[in-house]
């Protein structure tokens, strides 16, 4: 694993599209349904406990959070989607912020879609995959919480989800991941290394 991720530090949080940091260098964004394990995945990949704030309450990430890995190389934590209890106006604002970022950000090199392996490919996941496809973004899917299933069930889920992505002509690499057991770190780091040029 590339030790450079241990140096990752929080940079800034953004509520509004016009306050995004300077669009230069390279970024990889993490997106996913509320409570899918985005923050836990970022912390595990950076080998830090509290880099990205984790909450048991869904929908707590309401900003785009930027983390500097090195120089102008960044990881970006996007607001979680699909949290039904959030007020409609707030959900609309989150969607607008995320869509603007994905469509307009020149430094964005790839999108990591985080899905709970037990509840994959929700309506919102498909929407995000379609956005990524339209924007011609490289995509990689992390099926998190893989420690909750048996090895056989994980293999079956990978095969099924891979088939569904292929059916819809969505080009996304795919892997099982567990932040708790540190499963899949090496594979995910390879994707980040390639996209960030590390």
N, C-alpha and C. Protein backbone atom coordinates (compact mmCIF):
# COMPACT_ATOMS: atom_id res chain seq x y z
N UNK A 1 0.84 -1.20 0.00
CA UNK A 1 0.00 0.00 0.00
C UNK A 1 0.87 1.25 0.00
N UNK A 2 0.42 2.24 -0.71
CA UNK A 2 1.18 3.49 -0.79
C UNK A 2 1.10 4.25 0.55
N UNK A 3 2.24 4.43 1.24
CA UNK A 3 2.21 5.08 2.56
C UNK A 3 1.82 6.56 2.52
N UNK A 4 1.78 7.13 1.32
CA UNK A 4 1.50 8.56 1.20
C UNK A 4 0.10 8.92 1.73
N UNK A 5 -0.84 7.97 1.68
CA UNK A 5 -2.21 8.26 2.11
C UNK A 5 -2.29 8.56 3.61
N UNK A 6 -1.32 8.08 4.36
CA UNK A 6 -1.30 8.36 5.81
C UNK A 6 -1.14 9.85 6.10
N UNK A 7 -0.60 10.59 5.11
CA UNK A 7 -0.36 12.04 5.29
C UNK A 7 -1.59 12.87 4.92
N UNK A 8 -2.65 12.24 4.44
CA UNK A 8 -3.84 12.97 4.00
C UNK A 8 -4.41 13.82 5.13
N UNK A 9 -4.78 15.05 4.79
CA UNK A 9 -5.33 15.96 5.81
C UNK A 9 -6.58 16.66 5.27
N UNK A 10 -7.45 17.04 6.19
CA UNK A 10 -8.66 17.78 5.82
C UNK A 10 -8.27 19.15 5.26
N UNK A 11 -8.97 19.57 4.20
CA UNK A 11 -8.66 20.86 3.57
C UNK A 11 -9.81 21.86 3.75
N UNK A 12 -10.99 21.51 3.23
CA UNK A 12 -12.11 22.45 3.36
C UNK A 12 -13.44 21.76 3.12
N UNK A 13 -14.53 22.39 3.58
CA UNK A 13 -15.90 21.93 3.32
C UNK A 13 -16.62 23.00 2.51
N UNK A 14 -17.44 22.57 1.58
CA UNK A 14 -18.10 23.51 0.67
C UNK A 14 -19.61 23.24 0.62
N UNK A 15 -20.41 24.29 0.84
CA UNK A 15 -21.88 24.20 0.75
C UNK A 15 -22.39 24.60 -0.62
N UNK A 16 -21.66 25.50 -1.28
CA UNK A 16 -22.15 26.11 -2.53
C UNK A 16 -21.16 25.88 -3.67
N UNK A 17 -21.66 25.62 -4.88
CA UNK A 17 -20.79 25.34 -6.03
C UNK A 17 -19.76 26.43 -6.30
N UNK A 18 -20.12 27.70 -6.06
CA UNK A 18 -19.19 28.78 -6.39
C UNK A 18 -18.06 28.93 -5.36
N UNK A 19 -18.12 28.13 -4.29
CA UNK A 19 -17.06 28.18 -3.29
C UNK A 19 -16.10 26.98 -3.39
N UNK A 20 -16.20 26.23 -4.48
CA UNK A 20 -15.29 25.10 -4.66
C UNK A 20 -13.85 25.58 -4.75
N UNK A 21 -12.89 24.78 -4.26
CA UNK A 21 -11.48 25.16 -4.37
C UNK A 21 -11.05 25.31 -5.83
N UNK A 22 -9.89 25.90 -6.03
CA UNK A 22 -9.34 26.08 -7.38
C UNK A 22 -9.34 24.73 -8.11
N UNK A 23 -9.82 24.74 -9.34
CA UNK A 23 -9.99 23.52 -10.11
C UNK A 23 -8.69 23.16 -10.84
N UNK A 24 -7.76 22.56 -10.11
CA UNK A 24 -6.48 22.17 -10.69
C UNK A 24 -5.98 20.90 -10.03
N UNK A 25 -5.00 20.27 -10.63
CA UNK A 25 -4.46 19.03 -10.07
C UNK A 25 -5.37 17.86 -10.39
N UNK A 26 -5.52 16.96 -9.43
CA UNK A 26 -6.32 15.74 -9.65
C UNK A 26 -7.11 15.40 -8.39
N UNK A 27 -8.37 15.01 -8.61
CA UNK A 27 -9.26 14.64 -7.50
C UNK A 27 -9.94 13.32 -7.79
N UNK A 28 -10.20 12.56 -6.73
CA UNK A 28 -11.06 11.38 -6.82
C UNK A 28 -12.20 11.59 -5.84
N UNK A 29 -13.43 11.46 -6.32
CA UNK A 29 -14.60 11.69 -5.47
C UNK A 29 -15.21 10.38 -5.00
N UNK A 30 -15.67 10.38 -3.76
CA UNK A 30 -16.39 9.24 -3.18
C UNK A 30 -17.85 9.63 -3.04
N UNK A 31 -18.72 8.82 -3.61
CA UNK A 31 -20.16 9.10 -3.54
C UNK A 31 -20.89 7.85 -3.11
N UNK A 32 -22.04 8.03 -2.48
CA UNK A 32 -22.82 6.86 -2.07
C UNK A 32 -24.01 7.24 -1.23
N UNK A 33 -24.86 6.28 -1.05
CA UNK A 33 -26.06 6.44 -0.25
C UNK A 33 -25.68 6.73 1.20
N UNK A 34 -26.51 7.47 1.90
CA UNK A 34 -26.28 7.72 3.32
C UNK A 34 -26.11 6.41 4.07
N UNK A 35 -25.08 6.35 4.88
CA UNK A 35 -24.78 5.17 5.71
C UNK A 35 -24.21 3.98 4.93
N UNK A 36 -23.75 4.21 3.70
CA UNK A 36 -23.16 3.11 2.93
C UNK A 36 -21.71 2.84 3.36
N UNK A 37 -21.11 3.81 4.08
CA UNK A 37 -19.75 3.59 4.56
C UNK A 37 -18.68 4.40 3.86
N UNK A 38 -19.07 5.55 3.28
CA UNK A 38 -18.10 6.40 2.58
C UNK A 38 -16.98 6.89 3.49
N UNK A 39 -17.39 7.51 4.60
CA UNK A 39 -16.39 8.07 5.52
C UNK A 39 -15.48 6.99 6.09
N UNK A 40 -16.06 5.84 6.42
CA UNK A 40 -15.27 4.72 6.94
C UNK A 40 -14.27 4.23 5.89
N UNK A 41 -14.69 4.21 4.63
CA UNK A 41 -13.80 3.78 3.55
C UNK A 41 -12.64 4.75 3.39
N UNK A 42 -12.93 6.05 3.42
CA UNK A 42 -11.86 7.05 3.29
C UNK A 42 -10.88 6.93 4.45
N UNK A 43 -11.40 6.76 5.67
CA UNK A 43 -10.52 6.62 6.84
C UNK A 43 -9.65 5.38 6.72
N UNK A 44 -10.23 4.26 6.29
CA UNK A 44 -9.47 3.02 6.16
C UNK A 44 -8.38 3.15 5.10
N UNK A 45 -8.73 3.76 3.97
CA UNK A 45 -7.76 3.93 2.88
C UNK A 45 -6.62 4.85 3.27
N UNK A 46 -6.90 5.81 4.15
CA UNK A 46 -5.87 6.76 4.60
C UNK A 46 -5.25 6.33 5.93
N UNK A 47 -5.67 5.17 6.43
CA UNK A 47 -5.14 4.61 7.68
C UNK A 47 -5.20 5.64 8.82
N UNK A 48 -6.34 6.32 8.88
CA UNK A 48 -6.60 7.30 9.95
C UNK A 48 -8.00 7.05 10.49
N UNK A 49 -8.18 7.25 11.78
CA UNK A 49 -9.46 6.95 12.40
C UNK A 49 -10.51 8.04 12.21
N UNK A 50 -10.08 9.29 12.29
CA UNK A 50 -11.05 10.39 12.32
C UNK A 50 -10.85 11.44 11.24
N UNK A 51 -10.27 11.04 10.12
CA UNK A 51 -10.06 11.99 9.03
C UNK A 51 -11.41 12.47 8.49
N UNK A 52 -12.23 11.52 8.05
CA UNK A 52 -13.60 11.83 7.62
C UNK A 52 -14.52 11.49 8.78
N UNK A 53 -15.38 12.42 9.15
CA UNK A 53 -16.24 12.23 10.32
C UNK A 53 -17.31 11.18 10.05
N UNK A 54 -17.41 10.21 10.96
CA UNK A 54 -18.39 9.13 10.83
C UNK A 54 -19.55 9.40 11.78
N UNK A 55 -20.75 9.18 11.28
CA UNK A 55 -21.93 9.34 12.13
C UNK A 55 -22.86 8.16 11.94
N UNK A 56 -23.50 7.74 13.02
CA UNK A 56 -24.49 6.67 12.91
C UNK A 56 -25.82 7.21 12.39
N UNK A 57 -25.95 8.53 12.36
CA UNK A 57 -27.17 9.15 11.85
C UNK A 57 -27.01 9.40 10.35
N UNK A 58 -27.85 8.79 9.49
CA UNK A 58 -27.74 9.00 8.05
C UNK A 58 -27.94 10.47 7.68
N UNK A 59 -27.29 10.88 6.60
CA UNK A 59 -27.50 12.22 6.05
C UNK A 59 -26.73 13.32 6.74
N UNK A 60 -25.71 12.97 7.53
CA UNK A 60 -24.97 13.99 8.26
C UNK A 60 -23.97 14.75 7.37
N UNK A 61 -23.44 14.08 6.32
CA UNK A 61 -22.51 14.76 5.42
C UNK A 61 -23.33 15.63 4.46
N UNK A 62 -23.36 16.94 4.71
CA UNK A 62 -24.19 17.83 3.90
C UNK A 62 -23.35 18.76 3.03
N UNK A 63 -22.06 18.60 3.12
CA UNK A 63 -21.14 19.43 2.34
C UNK A 63 -20.27 18.54 1.47
N UNK A 64 -19.58 19.17 0.53
CA UNK A 64 -18.50 18.47 -0.19
C UNK A 64 -17.23 18.71 0.62
N UNK A 65 -16.62 17.64 1.10
CA UNK A 65 -15.43 17.75 1.94
C UNK A 65 -14.18 17.35 1.15
N UNK A 66 -13.19 18.22 1.19
CA UNK A 66 -11.95 18.00 0.44
C UNK A 66 -10.81 17.62 1.39
N UNK A 67 -10.03 16.62 0.98
CA UNK A 67 -8.87 16.17 1.74
C UNK A 67 -7.65 16.17 0.82
N UNK A 68 -6.56 16.76 1.28
CA UNK A 68 -5.34 16.81 0.48
C UNK A 68 -4.47 15.59 0.78
N UNK A 69 -4.14 14.84 -0.26
CA UNK A 69 -3.25 13.69 -0.11
C UNK A 69 -1.81 14.18 -0.21
N UNK A 70 -1.55 14.93 -1.27
CA UNK A 70 -0.21 15.48 -1.50
C UNK A 70 -0.30 16.58 -2.55
N UNK A 71 0.27 17.73 -2.25
CA UNK A 71 0.30 18.85 -3.20
C UNK A 71 -1.12 19.12 -3.74
N UNK A 72 -1.32 18.91 -5.05
CA UNK A 72 -2.63 19.20 -5.64
C UNK A 72 -3.40 17.91 -5.94
N UNK A 73 -3.16 16.88 -5.14
CA UNK A 73 -3.89 15.61 -5.25
C UNK A 73 -4.86 15.51 -4.09
N UNK A 74 -6.15 15.30 -4.39
CA UNK A 74 -7.17 15.36 -3.34
C UNK A 74 -8.16 14.19 -3.41
N UNK A 75 -8.71 13.86 -2.25
CA UNK A 75 -9.87 12.97 -2.15
C UNK A 75 -11.06 13.86 -1.78
N UNK A 76 -12.22 13.53 -2.31
CA UNK A 76 -13.40 14.36 -2.10
C UNK A 76 -14.56 13.49 -1.61
N UNK A 77 -15.12 13.86 -0.47
CA UNK A 77 -16.26 13.15 0.12
C UNK A 77 -17.53 13.92 -0.23
N UNK A 78 -18.36 13.33 -1.08
CA UNK A 78 -19.60 13.98 -1.51
C UNK A 78 -20.73 13.69 -0.52
N UNK A 79 -21.73 14.58 -0.42
CA UNK A 79 -22.85 14.35 0.49
C UNK A 79 -23.56 13.04 0.17
N UNK A 80 -23.94 12.30 1.21
CA UNK A 80 -24.69 11.06 1.00
C UNK A 80 -26.07 11.36 0.44
N UNK A 81 -26.59 10.45 -0.35
CA UNK A 81 -27.91 10.68 -0.96
C UNK A 81 -28.89 9.60 -0.51
N UNK A 82 -30.16 9.85 -0.80
CA UNK A 82 -31.18 8.85 -0.54
C UNK A 82 -31.68 8.82 0.89
N UNK A 83 -31.38 9.87 1.67
CA UNK A 83 -31.88 9.89 3.05
C UNK A 83 -33.26 10.52 3.06
N UNK A 84 -34.28 9.69 3.18
CA UNK A 84 -35.67 10.13 2.99
C UNK A 84 -36.13 11.15 4.03
N UNK A 85 -35.56 11.12 5.25
CA UNK A 85 -36.04 12.00 6.30
C UNK A 85 -35.53 13.43 6.16
N UNK A 86 -34.57 13.66 5.29
CA UNK A 86 -34.09 15.02 5.08
C UNK A 86 -35.18 15.84 4.38
N UNK A 87 -35.33 17.11 4.76
CA UNK A 87 -36.33 17.95 4.10
C UNK A 87 -36.10 17.99 2.58
N UNK A 88 -37.21 18.10 1.85
CA UNK A 88 -37.15 18.07 0.38
C UNK A 88 -36.19 19.13 -0.17
N UNK A 89 -36.28 20.36 0.35
CA UNK A 89 -35.41 21.44 -0.14
C UNK A 89 -33.94 21.10 0.05
N UNK A 90 -33.62 20.48 1.19
CA UNK A 90 -32.24 20.13 1.48
C UNK A 90 -31.75 19.04 0.52
N UNK A 91 -32.61 18.04 0.28
CA UNK A 91 -32.24 16.97 -0.65
C UNK A 91 -32.01 17.53 -2.06
N UNK A 92 -32.87 18.47 -2.43
CA UNK A 92 -32.75 19.10 -3.75
C UNK A 92 -31.42 19.86 -3.86
N UNK A 93 -31.06 20.54 -2.77
CA UNK A 93 -29.82 21.31 -2.76
C UNK A 93 -28.60 20.39 -2.84
N UNK A 94 -28.64 19.29 -2.09
CA UNK A 94 -27.55 18.32 -2.13
C UNK A 94 -27.39 17.80 -3.56
N UNK A 95 -28.53 17.43 -4.19
CA UNK A 95 -28.48 16.87 -5.54
C UNK A 95 -27.88 17.88 -6.52
N UNK A 96 -28.31 19.13 -6.40
CA UNK A 96 -27.81 20.18 -7.28
C UNK A 96 -26.30 20.39 -7.09
N UNK A 97 -25.85 20.38 -5.84
CA UNK A 97 -24.43 20.57 -5.53
C UNK A 97 -23.59 19.44 -6.11
N UNK A 98 -24.04 18.20 -5.91
CA UNK A 98 -23.29 17.03 -6.38
C UNK A 98 -23.28 16.98 -7.91
N UNK A 99 -24.44 17.25 -8.51
CA UNK A 99 -24.52 17.20 -9.98
C UNK A 99 -23.60 18.26 -10.59
N UNK A 100 -23.61 19.48 -10.02
CA UNK A 100 -22.74 20.53 -10.52
C UNK A 100 -21.28 20.09 -10.43
N UNK A 101 -20.91 19.54 -9.29
CA UNK A 101 -19.52 19.11 -9.10
C UNK A 101 -19.12 18.05 -10.13
N UNK A 102 -19.96 17.03 -10.31
CA UNK A 102 -19.61 15.94 -11.22
C UNK A 102 -19.53 16.40 -12.67
N UNK A 103 -20.41 17.32 -13.05
CA UNK A 103 -20.45 17.74 -14.46
C UNK A 103 -19.41 18.81 -14.80
N UNK A 104 -19.04 19.65 -13.82
CA UNK A 104 -18.21 20.80 -14.12
C UNK A 104 -16.74 20.68 -13.68
N UNK A 105 -16.42 19.77 -12.81
CA UNK A 105 -15.09 19.74 -12.20
C UNK A 105 -14.05 19.16 -13.14
N UNK A 106 -13.16 20.00 -13.62
CA UNK A 106 -12.13 19.58 -14.58
C UNK A 106 -11.05 18.69 -13.98
N UNK A 107 -10.79 18.85 -12.68
CA UNK A 107 -9.72 18.09 -12.04
C UNK A 107 -10.18 16.70 -11.57
N UNK A 108 -11.47 16.41 -11.74
CA UNK A 108 -12.02 15.13 -11.31
C UNK A 108 -11.53 14.00 -12.23
N UNK A 109 -10.79 13.06 -11.66
CA UNK A 109 -10.20 11.97 -12.45
C UNK A 109 -10.98 10.67 -12.40
N UNK A 110 -11.84 10.55 -11.37
CA UNK A 110 -12.60 9.32 -11.26
C UNK A 110 -13.58 9.39 -10.11
N UNK A 111 -14.57 8.51 -10.16
CA UNK A 111 -15.62 8.47 -9.15
C UNK A 111 -15.65 7.09 -8.50
N UNK A 112 -15.54 7.07 -7.18
CA UNK A 112 -15.68 5.82 -6.44
C UNK A 112 -17.08 5.80 -5.84
N UNK A 113 -17.89 4.84 -6.31
CA UNK A 113 -19.25 4.70 -5.81
C UNK A 113 -19.24 3.68 -4.68
N UNK A 114 -19.71 4.11 -3.52
CA UNK A 114 -19.71 3.26 -2.33
C UNK A 114 -21.12 2.72 -2.10
N UNK A 115 -21.24 1.39 -2.10
CA UNK A 115 -22.54 0.75 -1.89
C UNK A 115 -22.42 -0.32 -0.81
N UNK A 116 -23.37 -0.39 0.09
CA UNK A 116 -23.46 -1.48 1.05
C UNK A 116 -23.75 -2.76 0.27
N UNK A 117 -22.87 -3.76 0.40
CA UNK A 117 -23.02 -4.99 -0.40
C UNK A 117 -24.35 -5.69 -0.15
N UNK A 118 -24.98 -5.41 0.99
CA UNK A 118 -26.27 -6.04 1.32
C UNK A 118 -27.45 -5.29 0.69
N UNK A 119 -27.23 -4.04 0.26
CA UNK A 119 -28.31 -3.21 -0.31
C UNK A 119 -27.78 -2.46 -1.53
N UNK A 120 -27.35 -3.16 -2.57
CA UNK A 120 -26.72 -2.49 -3.72
C UNK A 120 -27.72 -1.97 -4.75
N UNK A 121 -27.22 -1.09 -5.60
CA UNK A 121 -27.93 -0.64 -6.79
C UNK A 121 -29.34 -0.13 -6.51
N UNK A 122 -29.43 0.82 -5.58
CA UNK A 122 -30.70 1.50 -5.34
C UNK A 122 -30.97 2.45 -6.51
N UNK A 123 -32.14 3.01 -6.53
CA UNK A 123 -32.50 3.98 -7.58
C UNK A 123 -31.48 5.13 -7.64
N UNK A 124 -31.05 5.60 -6.47
CA UNK A 124 -30.08 6.70 -6.43
C UNK A 124 -28.70 6.26 -6.93
N UNK A 125 -28.33 5.01 -6.65
CA UNK A 125 -27.06 4.49 -7.16
C UNK A 125 -27.07 4.49 -8.70
N UNK A 126 -28.17 4.03 -9.27
CA UNK A 126 -28.27 4.01 -10.73
C UNK A 126 -28.20 5.41 -11.32
N UNK A 127 -28.83 6.38 -10.64
CA UNK A 127 -28.78 7.76 -11.11
C UNK A 127 -27.34 8.26 -11.15
N UNK A 128 -26.60 7.96 -10.09
CA UNK A 128 -25.21 8.39 -10.02
C UNK A 128 -24.36 7.70 -11.09
N UNK A 129 -24.60 6.42 -11.30
CA UNK A 129 -23.87 5.67 -12.33
C UNK A 129 -24.16 6.25 -13.72
N UNK A 130 -25.42 6.65 -13.95
CA UNK A 130 -25.77 7.25 -15.23
C UNK A 130 -25.09 8.61 -15.41
N UNK A 131 -25.03 9.41 -14.33
CA UNK A 131 -24.31 10.69 -14.39
C UNK A 131 -22.86 10.45 -14.77
N UNK A 132 -22.25 9.49 -14.08
CA UNK A 132 -20.85 9.18 -14.36
C UNK A 132 -20.64 8.75 -15.80
N UNK A 133 -21.58 7.95 -16.29
CA UNK A 133 -21.52 7.48 -17.68
C UNK A 133 -21.63 8.65 -18.66
N UNK A 134 -22.61 9.54 -18.41
CA UNK A 134 -22.79 10.71 -19.28
C UNK A 134 -21.57 11.63 -19.27
N UNK A 135 -20.95 11.76 -18.09
CA UNK A 135 -19.77 12.63 -17.97
C UNK A 135 -18.48 11.94 -18.42
N UNK A 136 -18.62 10.66 -18.84
CA UNK A 136 -17.48 9.85 -19.28
C UNK A 136 -16.39 9.79 -18.20
N UNK A 137 -16.83 9.64 -16.97
CA UNK A 137 -15.91 9.53 -15.83
C UNK A 137 -15.51 8.09 -15.61
N UNK A 138 -14.24 7.80 -15.36
CA UNK A 138 -13.88 6.46 -14.90
C UNK A 138 -14.57 6.21 -13.56
N UNK A 139 -15.10 4.98 -13.39
CA UNK A 139 -15.82 4.67 -12.15
C UNK A 139 -15.34 3.35 -11.56
N UNK A 140 -15.35 3.32 -10.23
CA UNK A 140 -14.98 2.11 -9.49
C UNK A 140 -15.98 1.95 -8.35
N UNK A 141 -16.53 0.76 -8.19
CA UNK A 141 -17.55 0.54 -7.16
C UNK A 141 -16.97 -0.26 -6.00
N UNK A 142 -17.09 0.30 -4.79
CA UNK A 142 -16.70 -0.39 -3.57
C UNK A 142 -17.95 -0.98 -2.93
N UNK A 143 -18.00 -2.29 -2.82
CA UNK A 143 -19.12 -2.94 -2.12
C UNK A 143 -18.69 -3.11 -0.66
N UNK A 144 -19.11 -2.17 0.16
CA UNK A 144 -18.64 -2.10 1.54
C UNK A 144 -19.38 -3.09 2.45
N UNK A 145 -18.85 -3.21 3.67
CA UNK A 145 -19.43 -4.07 4.71
C UNK A 145 -19.45 -5.53 4.27
N UNK A 146 -18.43 -5.90 3.46
CA UNK A 146 -18.34 -7.28 2.96
C UNK A 146 -18.12 -8.28 4.09
N UNK A 147 -17.65 -7.79 5.24
CA UNK A 147 -17.44 -8.68 6.40
C UNK A 147 -18.76 -9.19 6.96
N UNK A 148 -19.87 -8.57 6.56
CA UNK A 148 -21.18 -8.99 7.06
C UNK A 148 -21.72 -10.24 6.34
N UNK A 149 -21.07 -10.62 5.22
CA UNK A 149 -21.52 -11.77 4.44
C UNK A 149 -20.45 -12.86 4.40
N UNK A 150 -20.87 -14.06 4.08
CA UNK A 150 -19.92 -15.16 3.90
C UNK A 150 -19.14 -14.94 2.59
N UNK A 151 -18.02 -15.65 2.47
CA UNK A 151 -17.20 -15.52 1.26
C UNK A 151 -18.01 -15.89 0.01
N UNK A 152 -18.82 -16.93 0.12
CA UNK A 152 -19.63 -17.36 -1.02
C UNK A 152 -20.67 -16.31 -1.41
N UNK A 153 -21.29 -15.70 -0.40
CA UNK A 153 -22.30 -14.67 -0.67
C UNK A 153 -21.66 -13.43 -1.29
N UNK A 154 -20.44 -13.10 -0.87
CA UNK A 154 -19.72 -11.97 -1.45
C UNK A 154 -19.43 -12.23 -2.93
N UNK A 155 -18.95 -13.44 -3.24
CA UNK A 155 -18.65 -13.80 -4.63
C UNK A 155 -19.91 -13.75 -5.49
N UNK A 156 -21.02 -14.24 -4.94
CA UNK A 156 -22.29 -14.23 -5.68
C UNK A 156 -22.76 -12.80 -5.94
N UNK A 157 -22.60 -11.92 -4.94
CA UNK A 157 -23.00 -10.51 -5.09
C UNK A 157 -22.15 -9.82 -6.15
N UNK A 158 -20.85 -10.06 -6.14
CA UNK A 158 -19.96 -9.46 -7.14
C UNK A 158 -20.39 -9.87 -8.54
N UNK A 159 -20.70 -11.15 -8.71
CA UNK A 159 -21.10 -11.65 -10.02
C UNK A 159 -22.42 -11.04 -10.48
N UNK A 160 -23.38 -11.00 -9.56
CA UNK A 160 -24.71 -10.47 -9.90
C UNK A 160 -24.64 -8.98 -10.24
N UNK A 161 -23.97 -8.21 -9.40
CA UNK A 161 -23.89 -6.75 -9.62
C UNK A 161 -23.09 -6.44 -10.89
N UNK A 162 -22.01 -7.19 -11.09
CA UNK A 162 -21.23 -7.02 -12.33
C UNK A 162 -22.07 -7.26 -13.57
N UNK A 163 -22.94 -8.28 -13.50
CA UNK A 163 -23.83 -8.59 -14.63
C UNK A 163 -24.84 -7.49 -14.88
N UNK A 164 -25.40 -6.93 -13.80
CA UNK A 164 -26.38 -5.86 -13.95
C UNK A 164 -25.74 -4.59 -14.53
N UNK A 165 -24.52 -4.28 -14.12
CA UNK A 165 -23.82 -3.12 -14.67
C UNK A 165 -23.56 -3.32 -16.16
N UNK A 166 -23.19 -4.54 -16.51
CA UNK A 166 -22.92 -4.85 -17.93
C UNK A 166 -24.19 -4.72 -18.76
N UNK A 167 -25.31 -5.20 -18.21
CA UNK A 167 -26.60 -5.09 -18.92
C UNK A 167 -26.94 -3.66 -19.28
N UNK A 168 -26.60 -2.73 -18.38
CA UNK A 168 -26.93 -1.32 -18.61
C UNK A 168 -25.78 -0.57 -19.26
N UNK A 169 -24.77 -1.31 -19.69
CA UNK A 169 -23.60 -0.72 -20.37
C UNK A 169 -22.91 0.33 -19.50
N UNK A 170 -22.84 0.07 -18.19
CA UNK A 170 -22.14 0.96 -17.26
C UNK A 170 -20.75 0.40 -17.03
N UNK A 171 -19.75 1.18 -17.37
CA UNK A 171 -18.37 0.73 -17.26
C UNK A 171 -17.80 1.13 -15.90
N UNK A 172 -17.89 0.21 -14.95
CA UNK A 172 -17.34 0.46 -13.62
C UNK A 172 -16.65 -0.80 -13.13
N UNK A 173 -15.40 -0.65 -12.69
CA UNK A 173 -14.75 -1.79 -12.05
C UNK A 173 -15.43 -2.00 -10.69
N UNK A 174 -15.20 -3.14 -10.08
CA UNK A 174 -16.01 -3.56 -8.94
C UNK A 174 -15.17 -4.38 -7.97
N UNK A 175 -15.37 -4.15 -6.67
CA UNK A 175 -14.66 -4.96 -5.69
C UNK A 175 -15.42 -5.02 -4.37
N UNK A 176 -15.13 -6.05 -3.59
CA UNK A 176 -15.64 -6.15 -2.22
C UNK A 176 -14.70 -5.38 -1.31
N UNK A 177 -15.26 -4.81 -0.24
CA UNK A 177 -14.45 -3.95 0.64
C UNK A 177 -15.01 -4.02 2.06
N UNK A 178 -14.11 -4.00 3.02
CA UNK A 178 -14.53 -3.90 4.42
C UNK A 178 -13.56 -2.99 5.16
N UNK A 179 -14.06 -1.84 5.60
CA UNK A 179 -13.23 -0.93 6.37
C UNK A 179 -12.88 -1.55 7.72
N UNK A 180 -13.81 -2.30 8.29
CA UNK A 180 -13.61 -2.91 9.60
C UNK A 180 -12.49 -3.95 9.57
N UNK A 181 -12.49 -4.79 8.54
CA UNK A 181 -11.50 -5.87 8.43
C UNK A 181 -10.31 -5.51 7.54
N UNK A 182 -10.30 -4.27 7.01
CA UNK A 182 -9.25 -3.81 6.10
C UNK A 182 -9.15 -4.71 4.86
N UNK A 183 -10.30 -5.17 4.40
CA UNK A 183 -10.38 -6.02 3.22
C UNK A 183 -10.51 -5.16 1.96
N UNK A 184 -9.69 -5.45 0.96
CA UNK A 184 -9.78 -4.75 -0.32
C UNK A 184 -9.01 -3.45 -0.40
N UNK A 185 -8.18 -3.14 0.61
CA UNK A 185 -7.42 -1.87 0.60
C UNK A 185 -6.44 -1.81 -0.56
N UNK A 186 -5.73 -2.89 -0.77
CA UNK A 186 -4.69 -2.91 -1.81
C UNK A 186 -5.30 -2.64 -3.19
N UNK A 187 -6.42 -3.29 -3.47
CA UNK A 187 -7.10 -3.13 -4.76
C UNK A 187 -7.60 -1.69 -4.95
N UNK A 188 -8.19 -1.14 -3.89
CA UNK A 188 -8.70 0.24 -3.97
C UNK A 188 -7.56 1.25 -4.08
N UNK A 189 -6.46 1.00 -3.37
CA UNK A 189 -5.31 1.91 -3.47
C UNK A 189 -4.75 1.94 -4.88
N UNK A 190 -4.77 0.80 -5.56
CA UNK A 190 -4.25 0.76 -6.93
C UNK A 190 -5.06 1.68 -7.84
N UNK A 191 -6.38 1.67 -7.65
CA UNK A 191 -7.26 2.55 -8.44
C UNK A 191 -6.92 4.01 -8.13
N UNK A 192 -6.81 4.35 -6.86
CA UNK A 192 -6.48 5.73 -6.46
C UNK A 192 -5.12 6.15 -7.00
N UNK A 193 -4.14 5.28 -6.88
CA UNK A 193 -2.78 5.59 -7.38
C UNK A 193 -2.83 5.93 -8.87
N UNK A 194 -3.57 5.12 -9.62
CA UNK A 194 -3.64 5.33 -11.08
C UNK A 194 -4.32 6.67 -11.39
N UNK A 195 -5.45 6.93 -10.75
CA UNK A 195 -6.22 8.14 -11.05
C UNK A 195 -5.53 9.40 -10.58
N UNK A 196 -4.87 9.34 -9.43
CA UNK A 196 -4.22 10.53 -8.88
C UNK A 196 -2.79 10.70 -9.39
N UNK A 197 -2.29 9.69 -10.08
CA UNK A 197 -0.92 9.78 -10.60
C UNK A 197 0.12 9.72 -9.50
N UNK A 198 -0.12 8.87 -8.50
CA UNK A 198 0.82 8.76 -7.37
C UNK A 198 1.74 7.56 -7.56
